[in-house]
Protein backbone atom coordinates (compact mmCIF):
# COMPACT_ATOMS: atom_id res chain seq x y z
CA SER A 1 0.00 0.00 0.00
CA MET A 2 2.93 2.32 0.75
CA LEU A 3 4.48 1.31 -2.55
CA VAL A 4 1.24 2.10 -4.39
CA GLY A 5 1.01 5.46 -2.58
CA ASN A 6 4.58 6.36 -3.61
CA LEU A 7 3.85 5.39 -7.23
CA ILE A 8 0.67 7.49 -7.26
CA ALA A 9 2.53 10.45 -5.65
CA ARG A 10 5.27 10.18 -8.28
CA ARG A 11 2.66 9.99 -11.04
CA ILE A 12 0.87 13.09 -9.72
CA ASN A 13 4.20 14.91 -9.22
CA MET A 14 5.27 14.17 -12.82
CA THR A 15 1.91 15.25 -14.08
CA LEU A 16 2.22 18.58 -12.21
CA GLN A 17 5.71 19.07 -13.66
CA ASP A 18 4.39 18.23 -17.11
CA TRP A 19 1.52 20.68 -16.65
CA GLY A 20 3.98 23.34 -15.46
CA ALA A 21 6.20 22.82 -18.50
CA MET A 22 3.15 22.88 -20.77
CA GLY A 23 1.97 26.13 -19.15
CA GLU A 24 5.38 27.72 -19.68
CA LEU A 25 5.36 26.62 -23.32
CA ILE A 26 1.85 28.02 -23.87
CA GLY A 27 2.84 31.22 -22.08
CA GLY A 28 5.88 31.55 -24.34
CA PHE A 29 3.69 31.15 -27.43
CA ALA A 30 1.27 33.75 -26.07
CA VAL A 31 4.12 36.23 -25.54
CA VAL A 32 5.41 35.65 -29.09
CA ALA A 33 1.88 35.99 -30.52
CA SER A 34 1.30 39.25 -28.62
CA LEU A 35 4.64 40.64 -29.83
CA VAL A 36 3.76 39.74 -33.43
CA TYR A 37 0.37 41.45 -32.96
CA VAL A 38 1.99 44.60 -31.54
CA GLY A 39 4.50 44.59 -34.41
CA LEU A 40 1.71 44.35 -36.99
CA GLN A 41 -0.19 47.17 -35.27
CA MET A 42 2.93 49.36 -35.30
CA LYS A 43 3.54 48.58 -38.97
CA ALA A 44 -0.06 49.50 -39.81
CA GLY A 45 0.28 52.69 -37.76
CA ASN A 46 3.53 53.60 -39.53
CA LEU A 47 1.93 53.05 -42.92
CA ALA A 48 -1.03 55.22 -41.95
CA SER A 49 1.37 57.92 -40.77
CA ARG A 50 3.36 57.80 -44.04
CA VAL A 51 0.15 57.99 -46.08
CA GLU A 52 -1.03 60.97 -44.03
CA SER A 53 2.35 62.71 -44.52
CA LYS A 54 2.24 62.20 -48.27
CA LEU A 55 -1.36 63.45 -48.47
CA ARG A 56 -0.54 66.56 -46.44
CA LEU A 57 2.41 67.43 -48.68
CA THR A 58 0.33 66.82 -51.80
CA ASP A 59 -2.52 68.98 -50.45
CA THR A 60 -0.07 71.80 -49.73
CA LEU A 61 1.33 71.60 -53.25
CA VAL A 62 -2.16 71.53 -54.77
CA ASP A 63 -3.18 74.56 -52.68
CA PHE A 64 -0.08 76.47 -53.84
CA THR A 65 -0.75 75.55 -57.47
CA ASP A 66 -4.43 76.49 -57.14
CA LEU A 67 -3.36 79.88 -55.77
CA LEU A 68 -1.23 80.49 -58.86
CA ILE A 69 -3.96 79.26 -61.22
CA SER A 70 -6.63 81.42 -59.61
CA SER A 71 -4.42 84.51 -59.75
CA PRO A 72 -2.76 84.91 -63.16
CA ASN A 73 -1.03 88.08 -61.93
CA LEU A 74 0.58 86.16 -59.06
CA ASN A 75 1.61 83.40 -61.45
CA GLU A 76 3.22 85.99 -63.74
CA ILE A 77 5.10 87.47 -60.76
CA MET A 78 6.37 83.99 -59.88
CA ILE A 79 7.54 83.39 -63.45
CA SER A 80 9.20 86.83 -63.70
CA GLY A 81 10.74 86.51 -60.25
CA ARG A 82 12.26 83.15 -61.07
CA ARG A 83 13.97 84.76 -64.08
CA GLY A 84 15.56 87.39 -61.83
CA ILE A 85 14.48 89.73 -59.05
CA GLU A 86 16.08 92.89 -60.49
CA SER A 87 13.20 93.35 -62.95
CA LEU A 88 10.51 93.25 -60.24
CA SER A 89 8.90 96.31 -58.70
CA LYS A 90 9.07 96.60 -54.91
CA GLU A 91 5.49 95.28 -54.56
CA ASP A 92 6.12 92.43 -56.98
CA TYR A 93 9.35 91.54 -55.19
CA LEU A 94 7.45 91.30 -51.89
CA LEU A 95 4.89 89.00 -53.51
CA PHE A 96 7.63 86.90 -55.10
CA SER A 97 9.46 86.77 -51.78
CA ASN A 98 6.33 85.45 -50.07
CA LEU A 99 5.82 82.85 -52.81
CA ALA A 100 9.45 81.74 -52.56
CA LEU A 101 9.22 81.55 -48.78
CA LYS A 102 6.01 79.55 -48.93
CA ALA A 103 7.55 77.18 -51.49
CA SER A 104 10.68 76.84 -49.32
CA TRP A 105 8.61 75.95 -46.25
CA PHE A 106 6.96 73.26 -48.35
CA PHE A 107 10.37 71.92 -49.46
CA SER A 108 11.62 72.05 -45.88
CA ALA A 109 8.62 70.08 -44.62
CA GLY A 110 9.09 67.48 -47.35
CA TYR A 111 12.80 67.20 -46.59
CA PHE A 112 12.09 66.80 -42.88
CA MET A 113 9.53 64.05 -43.58
CA TYR A 114 11.96 62.30 -45.92
CA ARG A 115 14.87 62.45 -43.46
CA ASN A 116 12.61 61.05 -40.72
CA LYS A 117 11.27 58.31 -42.99
CA ALA A 118 7.71 59.65 -42.93
CA ILE A 119 7.71 59.56 -46.74
CA SER A 120 9.46 57.12 -49.05
CA GLU A 121 12.38 57.75 -51.40
CA GLU A 122 9.94 57.73 -54.34
CA ASP A 123 7.64 60.27 -52.67
CA TRP A 124 10.60 62.48 -51.81
CA HIS A 125 11.73 62.35 -55.46
CA GLU A 126 8.49 64.07 -56.51
CA PHE A 127 8.98 66.93 -54.04
CA LYS A 128 12.73 67.13 -54.58
CA SER A 129 12.21 67.70 -58.31
CA ILE A 130 10.06 70.75 -57.50
CA ALA A 131 12.70 72.04 -55.07
CA ILE A 132 15.36 71.63 -57.77
CA TYR A 133 13.10 73.46 -60.25
CA TRP A 134 13.02 76.45 -57.88
CA ALA A 135 16.69 76.17 -56.86
CA ALA A 136 17.78 76.22 -60.51
CA SER A 137 16.23 79.64 -61.15
CA LYS A 138 18.31 82.80 -61.03
CA GLY A 139 15.63 84.76 -59.16
CA TYR A 140 15.21 82.15 -56.43
CA GLN A 141 18.98 82.02 -55.94
CA GLU A 142 19.11 85.82 -55.69
CA TRP A 143 16.21 85.80 -53.20
CA TRP A 144 17.90 83.03 -51.18
CA VAL A 145 21.14 85.04 -50.87
CA ARG A 146 19.36 88.33 -50.23
CA GLN A 147 17.01 87.10 -47.51
CA GLY A 148 15.49 83.64 -47.98
CA GLY A 149 18.39 81.52 -46.81
CA ALA A 150 18.40 83.29 -43.44
CA ASN A 151 15.07 81.61 -42.64
CA PHE A 152 16.51 78.09 -42.75
CA THR A 153 19.26 76.14 -41.02
CA GLY A 154 20.86 72.74 -40.86
CA GLU A 155 20.57 69.93 -43.35
CA PHE A 156 17.74 71.48 -45.35
CA LYS A 157 19.68 74.70 -45.90
CA GLN A 158 22.72 72.67 -46.97
CA PHE A 159 20.55 70.61 -49.33
CA MET A 160 19.10 73.71 -51.02
CA GLU A 161 22.50 75.37 -51.34
CA ARG A 162 23.99 72.21 -52.86
CA GLU A 163 21.15 72.15 -55.39
CA MET A 164 21.69 75.81 -56.22
CA THR A 165 25.42 75.37 -56.81
CA SER A 166 24.90 72.21 -58.88
CA THR A 167 22.43 73.99 -61.16
CA SER A 168 24.30 77.29 -61.64
C-alpha cells in the first residue's frame, strides 16, 4: 500500500511538472503571438502615418498651385521673379518673396519628412524635383542670398544650397 502510494505520488508529481512545463510553453507562445500582434499594429500605424504625410504634402502643393492658377497676376510674378528679381517692382518683389518663402517651407517640410522616414524615397523624389526646379532659377537664388536663406538652417539649408550650386 505504501508502494502504491509512492507510485501514485510520483505519477501526480510528474503530471504537475508536465503541466507546469506545458503552461510555460503556452505562455511563451502567447508572448510571441502578442509581440507579433503589436509589431503588426505598429507597422499598420507607420503606414497610416506615411500615407497621411504624403497626403498633407500633396494637399499643400495643390493649394499652392491652385493659388497660382486662380491669380494669373501672381503666377506671372512667380515666373518673372524666377527669371531674376532685379526686374521686379518693390510690390512684386514682396509678392515673389512670399511665394518663394512659402515654397521653401513646403520643401523644408518634405525634406524633414523624408529624413525622418515619414515619406518614401519615391515620394521624396516628386517633391525634390520641385525644389530643384526652384533652386535652378536665377531669381530664387538671388532671393535666397538676399534674404530667404536666413530663414533656414541645418541639413535642409545645406541641401538647397547644394542644389543651387549644382544647377548654376
